[in-house]
C-alpha atoms as a PDB file:
ATOM      1  CA  UNK A   1       6.971-200.864 -11.772  1.00  0.00           C
ATOM      2  CA  UNK A   2       6.353-204.346 -10.451  1.00  0.00           C
ATOM      3  CA  UNK A   3       7.942-203.441  -7.189  1.00  0.00           C
ATOM      4  CA  UNK A   4       5.749-200.393  -6.853  1.00  0.00           C
ATOM      5  CA  UNK A   5       2.645-202.447  -7.453  1.00  0.00           C
ATOM      6  CA  UNK A   6       3.837-204.939  -4.898  1.00  0.00           C
ATOM      7  CA  UNK A   7       4.353-202.226  -2.333  1.00  0.00           C
ATOM      8  CA  UNK A   8       0.980-200.764  -3.189  1.00  0.00           C
ATOM      9  CA  UNK A   9      -0.587-204.160  -2.692  1.00  0.00           C
ATOM     10  CA  UNK A  10       0.962-204.509   0.725  1.00  0.00           C
ATOM     11  CA  UNK A  11      -0.164-201.096   1.985  1.00  0.00           C
ATOM     12  CA  UNK A  12      -3.806-202.113   2.672  1.00  0.00           C
ATOM     13  CA  UNK A  13      -2.592-205.173   4.564  1.00  0.00           C
ATOM     14  CA  UNK A  14      -0.225-203.037   6.661  1.00  0.00           C
ATOM     15  CA  UNK A  15      -3.015-200.563   7.346  1.00  0.00           C
ATOM     16  CA  UNK A  16      -5.333-203.357   8.435  1.00  0.00           C
ATOM     17  CA  UNK A  17      -2.622-204.803  10.672  1.00  0.00           C
ATOM     18  CA  UNK A  18      -1.918-201.383  12.187  1.00  0.00           C
ATOM     19  CA  UNK A  19      -5.618-200.784  12.659  1.00  0.00           C
ATOM     20  CA  UNK A  20      -5.947-204.152  14.388  1.00  0.00           C
ATOM     21  CA  UNK A  21      -3.062-203.317  16.695  1.00  0.00           C
ATOM     22  CA  UNK A  22      -4.668-199.973  17.527  1.00  0.00           C
ATOM     23  CA  UNK A  23      -7.943-201.699  18.366  1.00  0.00           C
ATOM     24  CA  UNK A  24      -6.134-204.190  20.583  1.00  0.00           C
ATOM     25  CA  UNK A  25      -4.212-201.428  22.366  1.00  0.00           C
ATOM     26  CA  UNK A  26      -7.435-199.467  22.843  1.00  0.00           C
ATOM     27  CA  UNK A  27      -9.143-202.563  24.220  1.00  0.00           C
ATOM     28  CA  UNK A  28      -6.228-203.174  26.564  1.00  0.00           C
ATOM     29  CA  UNK A  29      -6.352-199.527  27.640  1.00  0.00           C
ATOM     30  CA  UNK A  30     -10.080-199.714  28.258  1.00  0.00           C
ATOM     31  CA  UNK A  31      -9.592-202.919  30.251  1.00  0.00           C
ATOM     32  CA  UNK A  32      -6.869-201.250  32.275  1.00  0.00           C
ATOM     33  CA  UNK A  33      -9.115-198.259  32.897  1.00  0.00           C
ATOM     34  CA  UNK A  34     -11.913-200.610  33.895  1.00  0.00           C
ATOM     35  CA  UNK A  35      -9.634-202.397  36.359  1.00  0.00           C
ATOM     36  CA  UNK A  36      -8.480-199.105  37.885  1.00  0.00           C
ATOM     37  CA  UNK A  37     -12.041-197.829  38.227  1.00  0.00           C
ATOM     38  CA  UNK A  38     -13.132-201.074  39.859  1.00  0.00           C
ATOM     39  CA  UNK A  39     -10.167-200.819  42.233  1.00  0.00           C
ATOM     40  CA  UNK A  40     -11.178-197.253  43.069  1.00  0.00           C
ATOM     41  CA  UNK A  41     -14.730-198.408  43.782  1.00  0.00           C
ATOM     42  CA  UNK A  42     -13.433-201.164  46.040  1.00  0.00           C
ATOM     43  CA  UNK A  43     -11.252-198.670  47.901  1.00  0.00           C
ATOM     44  CA  UNK A  44     -14.196-196.304  48.350  1.00  0.00           C
ATOM     45  CA  UNK A  45     -16.363-199.126  49.692  1.00  0.00           C
ATOM     46  CA  UNK A  46     -13.588-200.158  52.060  1.00  0.00           C
ATOM     47  CA  UNK A  47     -13.225-196.580  53.318  1.00  0.00           C
ATOM     48  CA  UNK A  48     -16.983-196.420  53.921  1.00  0.00           C
ATOM     49  CA  UNK A  49     -16.875-199.694  55.849  1.00  0.00           C
ATOM     50  CA  UNK A  50     -13.953-198.416  57.910  1.00  0.00           C
ATOM     51  CA  UNK A  51     -15.856-195.214  58.694  1.00  0.00           C
ATOM     52  CA  UNK A  52     -18.899-197.209  59.772  1.00  0.00           C
ATOM     53  CA  UNK A  53     -16.703-199.378  61.973  1.00  0.00           C
ATOM     54  CA  UNK A  54     -15.118-196.276  63.484  1.00  0.00           C
ATOM     55  CA  UNK A  55     -18.531-194.768  64.236  1.00  0.00           C
ATOM     56  CA  UNK A  56     -19.828-197.997  65.788  1.00  0.00           C
ATOM     57  CA  UNK A  57     -19.508-198.131  69.591  1.00  0.00           C
ATOM     58  CA  UNK A  58     -16.597-200.156  70.881  1.00  0.00           C
ATOM     59  CA  UNK A  59     -17.536-202.958  73.255  1.00  0.00           C
ATOM     60  CA  UNK A  60     -15.396-202.577  76.360  1.00  0.00           C
ATOM     61  CA  UNK A  61     -15.504-205.412  78.931  1.00  0.00           C
ATOM     62  CA  UNK A  62     -17.117-204.285  82.178  1.00  0.00           C
ATOM     63  CA  UNK A  63     -16.501-205.368  85.756  1.00  0.00           C
ATOM     64  CA  UNK A  64     -19.249-205.043  88.369  1.00  0.00           C
ATOM     65  CA  UNK A  65     -19.233-205.770  92.082  1.00  0.00           C
ATOM     66  CA  UNK A  66     -22.171-206.399  94.394  1.00  0.00           C
ATOM     67  CA  UNK A  67     -22.064-205.589  98.084  1.00  0.00           C
ATOM     68  CA  UNK A  68     -24.769-206.018 100.763  1.00  0.00           C
ATOM     69  CA  UNK A  69     -26.177-202.942 102.441  1.00  0.00           C
ATOM     70  CA  UNK A  70     -26.102-204.747 105.779  1.00  0.00           C
ATOM     71  CA  UNK A  71     -22.440-203.836 106.232  1.00  0.00           C
ATOM     72  CA  UNK A  72     -23.658-200.281 106.884  1.00  0.00           C
ATOM     73  CA  UNK A  73     -26.318-201.489 109.327  1.00  0.00           C
ATOM     74  CA  UNK A  74     -23.598-203.105 111.435  1.00  0.00           C
ATOM     75  CA  UNK A  75     -21.647-199.870 111.960  1.00  0.00           C
ATOM     76  CA  UNK A  76     -21.899-198.169 115.347  1.00  0.00           C
ATOM     77  CA  UNK A  77     -22.257-194.556 114.228  1.00  0.00           C
ATOM     78  CA  UNK A  78     -22.961-192.369 111.223  1.00  0.00           C
ATOM     79  CA  UNK A  79     -19.316-191.293 111.127  1.00  0.00           C
ATOM     80  CA  UNK A  80     -18.077-194.896 110.907  1.00  0.00           C
ATOM     81  CA  UNK A  81     -20.695-195.674 108.258  1.00  0.00           C
ATOM     82  CA  UNK A  82     -19.459-192.710 106.216  1.00  0.00           C
ATOM     83  CA  UNK A  83     -15.846-193.859 106.515  1.00  0.00           C
ATOM     84  CA  UNK A  84     -16.816-197.375 105.414  1.00  0.00           C
ATOM     85  CA  UNK A  85     -18.644-196.019 102.356  1.00  0.00           C
ATOM     86  CA  UNK A  86     -15.554-193.949 101.559  1.00  0.00           C
ATOM     87  CA  UNK A  87     -13.344-197.064 101.676  1.00  0.00           C
ATOM     88  CA  UNK A  88     -15.652-198.863  99.259  1.00  0.00           C
ATOM     89  CA  UNK A  89     -15.702-195.884  96.873  1.00  0.00           C
ATOM     90  CA  UNK A  90     -11.898-195.701  96.964  1.00  0.00           C
ATOM     91  CA  UNK A  91     -11.521-199.434  96.247  1.00  0.00           C
ATOM     92  CA  UNK A  92     -13.930-199.173  93.321  1.00  0.00           C
ATOM     93  CA  UNK A  93     -12.016-196.221  91.860  1.00  0.00           C
ATOM     94  CA  UNK A  94      -8.541-197.688  92.338  1.00  0.00           C
ATOM     95  CA  UNK A  95      -9.476-200.920  90.576  1.00  0.00           C
ATOM     96  CA  UNK A  96     -11.484-199.167  87.834  1.00  0.00           C
ATOM     97  CA  UNK A  97     -14.779-200.905  88.581  1.00  0.00           C
ATOM     98  CA  UNK A  98     -17.591-199.956  86.205  1.00  0.00           C
ATOM     99  CA  UNK A  99     -20.654-200.713  88.348  1.00  0.00           C
ATOM    100  CA  UNK A 100     -21.466-201.145  92.030  1.00  0.00           C
ATOM    101  CA  UNK A 101     -24.649-203.048  92.869  1.00  0.00           C
ATOM    102  CA  UNK A 102     -25.872-202.480  96.428  1.00  0.00           C
ATOM    103  CA  UNK A 103     -28.393-205.139  97.377  1.00  0.00           C
ATOM    104  CA  UNK A 104     -30.712-204.815 100.344  1.00  0.00           C
ATOM    105  CA  UNK A 105     -30.702-208.182 102.088  1.00  0.00           C
ATOM    106  CA  UNK A 106     -33.399-206.916 104.463  1.00  0.00           C
ATOM    107  CA  UNK A 107     -35.917-206.340 101.651  1.00  0.00           C
ATOM    108  CA  UNK A 108     -38.104-209.203 100.428  1.00  0.00           C
ATOM    109  CA  UNK A 109     -39.790-207.479  97.507  1.00  0.00           C
ATOM    110  CA  UNK A 110     -38.765-208.534  94.013  1.00  0.00           C
ATOM    111  CA  UNK A 111     -40.526-205.623  92.361  1.00  0.00           C
ATOM    112  CA  UNK A 112     -38.555-202.432  92.709  1.00  0.00           C
ATOM    113  CA  UNK A 113     -39.715-199.163  91.189  1.00  0.00           C
ATOM    114  CA  UNK A 114     -38.020-195.809  90.815  1.00  0.00           C
ATOM    115  CA  UNK A 115     -40.657-194.169  92.990  1.00  0.00           C
ATOM    116  CA  UNK A 116     -39.911-196.497  95.888  1.00  0.00           C
ATOM    117  CA  UNK A 117     -36.201-195.777  95.423  1.00  0.00           C
ATOM    118  CA  UNK A 118     -36.877-192.035  95.577  1.00  0.00           C
ATOM    119  CA  UNK A 119     -38.958-192.417  98.734  1.00  0.00           C
ATOM    120  CA  UNK A 120     -36.238-194.540 100.272  1.00  0.00           C
ATOM    121  CA  UNK A 121     -33.504-192.034  99.404  1.00  0.00           C
ATOM    122  CA  UNK A 122     -35.450-189.101 100.907  1.00  0.00           C
ATOM    123  CA  UNK A 123     -35.533-190.589 104.378  1.00  0.00           C
ATOM    124  CA  UNK A 124     -33.373-189.277 107.167  1.00  0.00           C
ATOM    125  CA  UNK A 125     -30.343-191.224 108.306  1.00  0.00           C
ATOM    126  CA  UNK A 126     -32.237-192.490 111.358  1.00  0.00           C
ATOM    127  CA  UNK A 127     -34.849-194.319 109.273  1.00  0.00           C
ATOM    128  CA  UNK A 128     -32.773-194.890 106.134  1.00  0.00           C
ATOM    129  CA  UNK A 129     -31.667-198.450 105.436  1.00  0.00           C
ATOM    130  CA  UNK A 130     -28.007-199.305 105.094  1.00  0.00           C
ATOM    131  CA  UNK A 131     -28.414-200.035 101.383  1.00  0.00           C
ATOM    132  CA  UNK A 132     -30.051-196.664 100.646  1.00  0.00           C
ATOM    133  CA  UNK A 133     -27.373-194.878 102.682  1.00  0.00           C
ATOM    134  CA  UNK A 134     -24.590-196.655 100.794  1.00  0.00           C
ATOM    135  CA  UNK A 135     -26.177-195.869  97.416  1.00  0.00           C
ATOM    136  CA  UNK A 136     -26.388-192.173  98.295  1.00  0.00           C
ATOM    137  CA  UNK A 137     -22.796-191.960  99.544  1.00  0.00           C
ATOM    138  CA  UNK A 138     -21.349-193.836  96.576  1.00  0.00           C
ATOM    139  CA  UNK A 139     -23.206-191.624  94.102  1.00  0.00           C
ATOM    140  CA  UNK A 140     -22.105-188.493  95.939  1.00  0.00           C
ATOM    141  CA  UNK A 141     -18.433-189.491  96.074  1.00  0.00           C
ATOM    142  CA  UNK A 142     -18.365-190.490  92.392  1.00  0.00           C
ATOM    143  CA  UNK A 143     -19.669-187.061  91.339  1.00  0.00           C
ATOM    144  CA  UNK A 144     -16.995-184.406  90.621  1.00  0.00           C
ATOM    145  CA  UNK A 145     -16.757-181.821  93.388  1.00  0.00           C
ATOM    146  CA  UNK A 146     -17.892-178.888  91.238  1.00  0.00           C
ATOM    147  CA  UNK A 147     -21.175-180.671  90.405  1.00  0.00           C
ATOM    148  CA  UNK A 148     -22.226-181.869  93.853  1.00  0.00           C
ATOM    149  CA  UNK A 149     -23.943-178.676  94.959  1.00  0.00           C
ATOM    150  CA  UNK A 150     -26.118-178.626  91.836  1.00  0.00           C
ATOM    151  CA  UNK A 151     -26.976-182.337  91.840  1.00  0.00           C
ATOM    152  CA  UNK A 152     -27.355-183.125  95.565  1.00  0.00           C
ATOM    153  CA  UNK A 153     -29.543-181.363  98.071  1.00  0.00           C
ATOM    154  CA  UNK A 154     -28.629-181.146 101.745  1.00  0.00           C
ATOM    155  CA  UNK A 155     -29.234-184.405 103.580  1.00  0.00           C
ATOM    156  CA  UNK A 156     -28.414-185.640 107.053  1.00  0.00           C
ATOM    157  CA  UNK A 157     -26.709-188.736 105.618  1.00  0.00           C
ATOM    158  CA  UNK A 158     -24.069-186.459 104.059  1.00  0.00           C
ATOM    159  CA  UNK A 159     -23.163-184.846 107.365  1.00  0.00           C
ATOM    160  CA  UNK A 160     -19.655-186.335 107.592  1.00  0.00           C
ATOM    161  CA  UNK A 161     -18.660-186.602 103.916  1.00  0.00           C
ATOM    162  CA  UNK A 162     -16.427-183.553 104.309  1.00  0.00           C
ATOM    163  CA  UNK A 163     -13.936-185.552 106.372  1.00  0.00           C
ATOM    164  CA  UNK A 164     -13.369-188.083 103.567  1.00  0.00           C
ATOM    165  CA  UNK A 165     -10.340-187.573 101.312  1.00  0.00           C
ATOM    166  CA  UNK A 166     -11.189-186.884  97.650  1.00  0.00           C
ATOM    167  CA  UNK A 167     -11.204-189.849  95.296  1.00  0.00           C
ATOM    168  CA  UNK A 168      -9.188-187.886  92.722  1.00  0.00           C
ATOM    169  CA  UNK A 169     -10.704-189.991  89.936  1.00  0.00           C
ATOM    170  CA  UNK A 170      -9.702-189.198  86.326  1.00  0.00           C
ATOM    171  CA  UNK A 171     -13.004-187.386  85.698  1.00  0.00           C
ATOM    172  CA  UNK A 172     -12.617-185.243  88.844  1.00  0.00           C
ATOM    173  CA  UNK A 173     -10.807-182.488  86.979  1.00  0.00           C
ATOM    174  CA  UNK A 174      -9.670-179.154  88.385  1.00  0.00           C
ATOM    175  CA  UNK A 175     -10.150-175.743  86.798  1.00  0.00           C
ATOM    176  CA  UNK A 176      -6.654-175.570  85.316  1.00  0.00           C
ATOM    177  CA  UNK A 177      -6.770-179.099  83.867  1.00  0.00           C
ATOM    178  CA  UNK A 178      -7.818-179.813  80.286  1.00  0.00           C
ATOM    179  CA  UNK A 179      -9.061-183.195  79.097  1.00  0.00           C
ATOM    180  CA  UNK A 180     -10.849-184.516  75.995  1.00  0.00           C
ATOM    181  CA  UNK A 181     -14.002-184.961  78.102  1.00  0.00           C
ATOM    182  CA  UNK A 182     -15.512-183.272  81.138  1.00  0.00           C
ATOM    183  CA  UNK A 183     -18.555-183.923  83.275  1.00  0.00           C
ATOM    184  CA  UNK A 184     -21.033-181.068  83.479  1.00  0.00           C
ATOM    185  CA  UNK A 185     -24.522-180.038  84.531  1.00  0.00           C
ATOM    186  CA  UNK A 186     -27.003-178.169  82.345  1.00  0.00           C
ATOM    187  CA  UNK A 187     -28.052-174.664  83.427  1.00  0.00           C
ATOM    188  CA  UNK A 188     -31.266-172.647  83.206  1.00  0.00           C
ATOM    189  CA  UNK A 189     -29.625-169.721  81.414  1.00  0.00           C
ATOM    190  CA  UNK A 190     -30.066-169.560  77.658  1.00  0.00           C
ATOM    191  CA  UNK A 191     -27.036-169.939  75.447  1.00  0.00           C
ATOM    192  CA  UNK A 192     -25.958-166.547  73.998  1.00  0.00           C
ATOM    193  CA  UNK A 193     -26.281-166.106  70.218  1.00  0.00           C
ATOM    194  CA  UNK A 194     -26.777-169.813  69.562  1.00  0.00           C
ATOM    195  CA  UNK A 195     -29.283-172.622  69.800  1.00  0.00           C
ATOM    196  CA  UNK A 196     -28.164-174.976  72.517  1.00  0.00           C
ATOM    197  CA  UNK A 197     -27.721-175.308  76.268  1.00  0.00           C
ATOM    198  CA  UNK A 198     -25.249-173.778  78.688  1.00  0.00           C
ATOM    199  CA  UNK A 199     -23.319-176.359  80.692  1.00  0.00           C
ATOM    200  CA  UNK A 200     -21.155-175.890  83.773  1.00  0.00           C
ATOM    201  CA  UNK A 201     -18.102-178.121  83.287  1.00  0.00           C
ATOM    202  CA  UNK A 202     -16.042-176.744  86.162  1.00  0.00           C
ATOM    203  CA  UNK A 203     -14.038-174.195  84.141  1.00  0.00           C
ATOM    204  CA  UNK A 204     -13.872-170.415  84.448  1.00  0.00           C
ATOM    205  CA  UNK A 205     -16.568-170.083  81.790  1.00  0.00           C
ATOM    206  CA  UNK A 206     -19.575-172.183  80.875  1.00  0.00           C
ATOM    207  CA  UNK A 207     -19.649-173.980  77.536  1.00  0.00           C
ATOM    208  CA  UNK A 208     -22.450-174.363  75.004  1.00  0.00           C
ATOM    209  CA  UNK A 209     -23.532-177.795  73.796  1.00  0.00           C
ATOM    210  CA  UNK A 210     -25.332-178.539  70.547  1.00  0.00           C
ATOM    211  CA  UNK A 211     -28.526-179.865  72.172  1.00  0.00           C
ATOM    212  CA  UNK A 212     -31.474-178.307  73.986  1.00  0.00           C
ATOM    213  CA  UNK A 213     -31.647-180.055  77.366  1.00  0.00           C
ATOM    214  CA  UNK A 214     -33.547-179.580  80.599  1.00  0.00           C
ATOM    215  CA  UNK A 215     -31.668-177.849  83.433  1.00  0.00           C
ATOM    216  CA  UNK A 216     -30.061-179.865  86.197  1.00  0.00           C
ATOM    217  CA  UNK A 217     -29.057-182.826  84.022  1.00  0.00           C
ATOM    218  CA  UNK A 218     -25.597-184.347  84.316  1.00  0.00           C
ATOM    219  CA  UNK A 219     -23.931-184.783  80.919  1.00  0.00           C
ATOM    220  CA  UNK A 220     -20.576-185.826  79.480  1.00  0.00           C
ATOM    221  CA  UNK A 221     -19.158-183.170  77.151  1.00  0.00           C
ATOM    222  CA  UNK A 222     -16.534-183.760  74.462  1.00  0.00           C
ATOM    223  CA  UNK A 223     -14.244-180.747  74.846  1.00  0.00           C
ATOM    224  CA  UNK A 224     -12.107-181.334  71.757  1.00  0.00           C
ATOM    225  CA  UNK A 225      -8.763-179.598  71.260  1.00  0.00           C
ATOM    226  CA  UNK A 226      -9.944-175.982  71.032  1.00  0.00           C
ATOM    227  CA  UNK A 227      -9.304-174.461  74.451  1.00  0.00           C
ATOM    228  CA  UNK A 228     -10.795-171.101  73.531  1.00  0.00           C
ATOM    229  CA  UNK A 229     -13.957-170.931  75.619  1.00  0.00           C
ATOM    230  CA  UNK A 230     -15.005-167.709  73.859  1.00  0.00           C
ATOM    231  CA  UNK A 231     -15.416-169.528  70.540  1.00  0.00           C
ATOM    232  CA  UNK A 232     -18.954-169.743  69.174  1.00  0.00           C
ATOM    233  CA  UNK A 233     -18.642-173.366  68.082  1.00  0.00           C
ATOM    234  CA  UNK A 234     -20.736-175.554  70.415  1.00  0.00           C
ATOM    235  CA  UNK A 235     -19.370-178.626  72.145  1.00  0.00           C
ATOM    236  CA  UNK A 236     -20.897-182.061  71.764  1.00  0.00           C
ATOM    237  CA  UNK A 237     -22.715-184.165  74.359  1.00  0.00           C
ATOM    238  CA  UNK A 238     -21.560-187.790  74.226  1.00  0.00           C
ATOM    239  CA  UNK A 239     -22.614-190.961  76.070  1.00  0.00           C
ATOM    240  CA  UNK A 240     -20.841-191.569  79.400  1.00  0.00           C
ATOM    241  CA  UNK A 241     -19.295-194.688  77.860  1.00  0.00           C
ATOM    242  CA  UNK A 242     -17.428-192.670  75.218  1.00  0.00           C
ATOM    243  CA  UNK A 243     -14.390-191.846  77.414  1.00  0.00           C
ATOM    244  CA  UNK A 244     -14.112-195.528  78.347  1.00  0.00           C
ATOM    245  CA  UNK A 245     -14.009-196.447  74.659  1.00  0.00           C
ATOM    246  CA  UNK A 246     -10.959-194.176  74.417  1.00  0.00           C
ATOM    247  CA  UNK A 247      -9.228-196.119  77.189  1.00  0.00           C
ATOM    248  CA  UNK A 248     -10.038-193.711  80.037  1.00  0.00           C
ATOM    249  CA  UNK A 249     -11.609-194.713  83.332  1.00  0.00           C
ATOM    250  CA  UNK A 250     -14.661-192.522  83.808  1.00  0.00           C
ATOM    251  CA  UNK A 251     -16.079-193.468  87.168  1.00  0.00           C
ATOM    252  CA  UNK A 252     -18.630-196.037  88.245  1.00  0.00           C
ATOM    253  CA  UNK A 253     -22.400-196.183  88.263  1.00  0.00           C
ATOM    254  CA  UNK A 254     -24.464-197.330  91.227  1.00  0.00           C
ATOM    255  CA  UNK A 255     -27.466-199.649  91.051  1.00  0.00           C
ATOM    256  CA  UNK A 256     -29.819-200.561  93.889  1.00  0.00           C
ATOM    257  CA  UNK A 257     -31.155-204.124  94.139  1.00  0.00           C
ATOM    258  CA  UNK A 258     -33.926-204.965  96.635  1.00  0.00           C
ATOM    259  CA  UNK A 259     -32.522-208.486  97.151  1.00  0.00           C
ATOM    260  CA  UNK A 260     -29.745-210.795  96.015  1.00  0.00           C
ATOM    261  CA  UNK A 261     -31.770-212.351  93.178  1.00  0.00           C
ATOM    262  CA  UNK A 262     -32.450-208.966  91.557  1.00  0.00           C
ATOM    263  CA  UNK A 263     -28.694-208.397  91.366  1.00  0.00           C
ATOM    264  CA  UNK A 264     -28.598-210.953  88.548  1.00  0.00           C
ATOM    265  CA  UNK A 265     -32.081-210.538  87.057  1.00  0.00           C
ATOM    266  CA  UNK A 266     -31.983-206.745  86.644  1.00  0.00           C
ATOM    267  CA  UNK A 267     -28.565-206.476  85.040  1.00  0.00           C
ATOM    268  CA  UNK A 268     -28.095-203.113  83.330  1.00  0.00           C
ATOM    269  CA  UNK A 269     -25.880-204.551  80.585  1.00  0.00           C
ATOM    270  CA  UNK A 270     -27.227-206.099  77.414  1.00  0.00           C
ATOM    271  CA  UNK A 271     -27.177-209.875  77.604  1.00  0.00           C
ATOM    272  CA  UNK A 272     -26.659-209.922  81.376  1.00  0.00           C
ATOM    273  CA  UNK A 273     -23.528-210.972  83.229  1.00  0.00           C
ATOM    274  CA  UNK A 274     -21.683-213.705  81.355  1.00  0.00           C
ATOM    275  CA  UNK A 275     -19.201-214.468  84.155  1.00  0.00           C
ATOM    276  CA  UNK A 276     -19.755-214.563  87.923  1.00  0.00           C
ATOM    277  CA  UNK A 277     -17.341-214.715  90.859  1.00  0.00           C
ATOM    278  CA  UNK A 278     -18.857-215.409  94.268  1.00  0.00           C
ATOM    279  CA  UNK A 279     -17.040-215.404  97.592  1.00  0.00           C
ATOM    280  CA  UNK A 280     -18.316-216.582 100.953  1.00  0.00           C
ATOM    281  CA  UNK A 281     -16.996-217.655 104.325  1.00  0.00           C
ATOM    282  CA  UNK A 282     -18.460-221.098 103.535  1.00  0.00           C
ATOM    283  CA  UNK A 283     -16.674-221.402 100.182  1.00  0.00           C
ATOM    284  CA  UNK A 284     -13.572-223.412  99.321  1.00  0.00           C
ATOM    285  CA  UNK A 285     -10.146-221.875  99.886  1.00  0.00           C
ATOM    286  CA  UNK A 286      -8.548-221.298  96.479  1.00  0.00           C
ATOM    287  CA  UNK A 287      -5.319-219.466  95.731  1.00  0.00           C
ATOM    288  CA  UNK A 288      -5.714-216.577  93.324  1.00  0.00           C
ATOM    289  CA  UNK A 289      -2.765-217.896  91.293  1.00  0.00           C
ATOM    290  CA  UNK A 290      -4.780-221.043  90.538  1.00  0.00           C
ATOM    291  CA  UNK A 291      -7.727-219.116  89.127  1.00  0.00           C
ATOM    292  CA  UNK A 292      -7.959-218.033  85.510  1.00  0.00           C
ATOM    293  CA  UNK A 293     -10.621-215.894  83.905  1.00  0.00           C
ATOM    294  CA  UNK A 294     -12.061-216.598  80.467  1.00  0.00           C
ATOM    295  CA  UNK A 295     -12.810-213.835  78.009  1.00  0.00           C
ATOM    296  CA  UNK A 296     -15.901-212.041  79.281  1.00  0.00           C
ATOM    297  CA  UNK A 297     -18.213-209.229  78.264  1.00  0.00           C
ATOM    298  CA  UNK A 298     -19.656-208.299  81.676  1.00  0.00           C
ATOM    299  CA  UNK A 299     -18.304-209.834  84.862  1.00  0.00           C
ATOM    300  CA  UNK A 300     -19.891-209.617  88.305  1.00  0.00           C
ATOM    301  CA  UNK A 301     -18.153-210.277  91.588  1.00  0.00           C
ATOM    302  CA  UNK A 302     -20.310-210.564  94.684  1.00  0.00           C
ATOM    303  CA  UNK A 303     -19.750-211.244  98.366  1.00  0.00           C
ATOM    304  CA  UNK A 304     -22.099-213.197 100.604  1.00  0.00           C
ATOM    305  CA  UNK A 305     -20.564-211.935 103.843  1.00  0.00           C
ATOM    306  CA  UNK A 306     -22.656-209.925 106.252  1.00  0.00           C
ATOM    307  CA  UNK A 307     -19.999-208.920 108.767  1.00  0.00           C
ATOM    308  CA  UNK A 308     -18.339-205.567 108.284  1.00  0.00           C
ATOM    309  CA  UNK A 309     -14.646-206.518 108.293  1.00  0.00           C
ATOM    310  CA  UNK A 310     -15.131-209.667 106.242  1.00  0.00           C
ATOM    311  CA  UNK A 311     -17.217-207.798 103.679  1.00  0.00           C
ATOM    312  CA  UNK A 312     -14.613-205.087 103.170  1.00  0.00           C
ATOM    313  CA  UNK A 313     -11.754-207.596 102.822  1.00  0.00           C
ATOM    314  CA  UNK A 314     -13.765-209.675 100.379  1.00  0.00           C
ATOM    315  CA  UNK A 315     -14.775-206.554  98.482  1.00  0.00           C
ATOM    316  CA  UNK A 316     -11.151-205.468  98.007  1.00  0.00           C
ATOM    317  CA  UNK A 317     -10.205-208.971  96.863  1.00  0.00           C
ATOM    318  CA  UNK A 318     -13.069-209.102  94.364  1.00  0.00           C
ATOM    319  CA  UNK A 319     -12.107-205.714  92.901  1.00  0.00           C
ATOM    320  CA  UNK A 320      -8.449-206.715  92.622  1.00  0.00           C
ATOM    321  CA  UNK A 321      -9.124-210.097  91.055  1.00  0.00           C
ATOM    322  CA  UNK A 322     -11.613-208.720  88.544  1.00  0.00           C
ATOM    323  CA  UNK A 323      -9.230-206.098  87.170  1.00  0.00           C
ATOM    324  CA  UNK A 324      -5.802-207.688  87.552  1.00  0.00           C
ATOM    325  CA  UNK A 325      -6.671-211.010  85.898  1.00  0.00           C
END
């Protein structure tokens, strides 16, 4: 009997101890659940940050070159001027230059407007300055062949461009070639059964983009992986810098500068050029192996030669040094 009472007296204590252990295990379980939920929240936040970083544009270092328009003025004929412009365009493409700045060393005006540029570009080759001629030829040669007829009207300065070999740049794609991006021009025709714009991208059929754009505008189209041109899903218009962010060279842009000072003042890149390389016949002779380039965001190489042969040689050297170092 005494033993039974003793066991009965211990039962409440055992129950309390068991209850305490259950509470502790529940607390530990809740703490563990809290830790796992906090870890999940941290992972979700990290994924969101990674997505934002992926969507943010990638800053790709750019290399620009400046060349005087007077090298065209020194040529003896329109045919030789066209060949010289073709050599410059080929050098720019081979060395993956991002921007060509053509400065007019015969112009004294610091203020340059788009209207004056348009008036200058509409002149005939007899009255057109060397800088305006070079700008026109460089823009024409950079444009893919299937877009030139839609984007360029007939002009006497383009009389001999047919004798130049094609640049065969990465964005000069043929009909049978497929790439993640293609250059195109918007058309007047309405997109069938969809809200968007028809774009000629140089394929057998036009594609539809997801934006309503004016006709005659050059655009960069993300083609994706679906090669079915009959699909109703529209393609996407992307900035011209998007292919370069993917590691592809996507041509160069041309900028006109009325004088040498506007080459630096009117930089088209945010923050301006942070590294400059200048070459001149009056400069010091330095071996390229002795020169090192720091990390740069936008580099500009410019030549202060005004003779034809010297300018071309210096131009090739500037392109090579900017990309190979």
